[in-house]
Amino acid sequence: MAARYVTLIGRPNDRECDRLGIVASRKVGGAVVRNRAKRRLREIFRHGQPDRATESGRRPFDVVAIVRRELADAPFAEVSADVQSALRKLRGDK
């Protein structure tokens, strides 16, 4: 699922919760920029997820987020809306 700031790849897992993997290449920027981008994505993912995916009635997912260069300079609210929208589409939610 391609979005403006990230590309998401996901598949259901057999665990009780969602898991996130992040890929931030050197094309994104130096180490400081890459780490900031990864921290932002972790925060978005953490706030958008219930404690247990199975309690919310949906299947847990393994998600890999590939960071795009634009994420580093974008406003947090804009990135958050973009990532949450992409996650809903990836899961097949409406």
Protein backbone atom coordinates (compact mmCIF):
# COMPACT_ATOMS: atom_id res chain seq x y z
CA MET A 1 0.00 0.00 0.00
CA ALA A 2 1.73 3.13 -1.20
CA ALA A 3 1.00 6.37 0.65
CA ARG A 4 2.51 9.83 0.43
CA TYR A 5 5.08 9.39 3.21
CA VAL A 6 5.47 5.60 3.52
CA THR A 7 4.94 2.36 1.68
CA LEU A 8 3.29 -0.30 3.83
CA ILE A 9 3.53 -4.04 3.37
CA GLY A 10 1.56 -6.29 5.66
CA ARG A 11 0.22 -9.71 6.31
CA PRO A 12 -1.82 -11.27 9.11
CA ASN A 13 0.09 -12.94 11.94
CA ASP A 14 -0.78 -15.57 14.56
CA ARG A 15 0.09 -13.42 17.56
CA GLU A 16 -2.14 -11.38 19.85
CA CYS A 17 -0.86 -7.98 18.73
CA ASP A 18 0.37 -6.06 15.71
CA ARG A 19 4.08 -5.78 14.97
CA LEU A 20 5.93 -3.05 13.11
CA GLY A 21 9.17 -3.15 11.15
CA ILE A 22 10.68 0.03 9.69
CA VAL A 23 13.04 0.43 6.74
CA ALA A 24 14.77 3.81 6.44
CA SER A 25 17.56 3.85 3.89
CA ARG A 26 20.30 6.45 3.62
CA LYS A 27 18.30 8.09 0.83
CA VAL A 28 16.03 9.43 3.59
CA GLY A 29 18.92 11.34 5.16
CA GLY A 30 21.67 11.04 7.72
CA ALA A 31 21.42 8.94 10.88
CA VAL A 32 19.70 11.69 12.87
CA VAL A 33 17.02 12.17 10.20
CA ARG A 34 16.44 8.42 9.78
CA ASN A 35 16.12 7.87 13.51
CA ARG A 36 13.68 10.77 13.84
CA ALA A 37 11.56 9.33 11.03
CA LYS A 38 11.52 5.93 12.72
CA ARG A 39 10.57 7.45 16.10
CA ARG A 40 7.69 9.32 14.46
CA LEU A 41 6.38 6.14 12.81
CA ARG A 42 6.62 4.15 16.04
CA GLU A 43 4.65 6.84 17.86
CA ILE A 44 1.94 6.91 15.20
CA PHE A 45 1.69 3.13 15.22
CA ARG A 46 1.59 2.96 19.03
CA HIS A 47 -1.20 5.53 19.37
CA GLY A 48 -3.28 4.07 16.57
CA GLN A 49 -3.37 0.52 17.94
CA PRO A 50 -5.50 -0.99 20.69
CA ASP A 51 -3.68 -2.91 23.44
CA ARG A 52 -4.65 -6.22 21.90
CA ALA A 53 -5.72 -6.56 18.29
CA THR A 54 -7.85 -9.62 19.10
CA GLU A 55 -9.86 -7.63 21.70
CA SER A 56 -10.85 -5.09 19.06
CA GLY A 57 -12.28 -7.83 16.85
CA ARG A 58 -9.68 -7.59 14.09
CA ARG A 59 -6.87 -9.85 13.07
CA PRO A 60 -3.32 -8.87 14.14
CA PHE A 61 -0.93 -7.79 11.38
CA ASP A 62 2.80 -7.69 10.76
CA VAL A 63 3.49 -4.37 9.05
CA VAL A 64 6.69 -3.22 7.35
CA ALA A 65 6.89 0.53 6.74
CA ILE A 66 9.32 1.79 4.11
CA VAL A 67 10.04 5.45 4.82
CA ARG A 68 10.02 8.02 2.04
CA ARG A 69 12.28 11.06 2.07
CA GLU A 70 9.34 13.50 2.48
CA LEU A 71 8.40 12.10 5.90
CA ALA A 72 11.33 13.78 7.64
CA ASP A 73 10.11 17.33 6.97
CA ALA A 74 6.34 16.85 6.98
CA PRO A 75 4.09 18.00 9.85
CA PHE A 76 3.39 15.22 12.36
CA ALA A 77 -0.41 15.47 12.02
CA GLU A 78 -0.21 15.11 8.25
CA VAL A 79 2.07 12.07 8.48
CA SER A 80 -0.15 10.51 11.13
CA ALA A 81 -3.30 10.90 9.02
CA ASP A 82 -1.52 9.48 5.98
CA VAL A 83 -0.16 6.43 7.83
CA GLN A 84 -3.45 5.68 9.61
CA SER A 85 -5.32 5.88 6.30
CA ALA A 86 -2.81 3.54 4.65
CA LEU A 87 -3.09 1.08 7.57
CA ARG A 88 -6.88 1.00 7.25
CA LYS A 89 -6.61 0.30 3.52
CA LEU A 90 -3.99 -2.38 4.11
CA ARG A 91 -6.26 -4.17 6.57
CA GLY A 92 -9.25 -3.83 4.29
CA ASP A 93 -11.15 -1.56 6.70
CA LYS A 94 -13.43 1.12 5.36
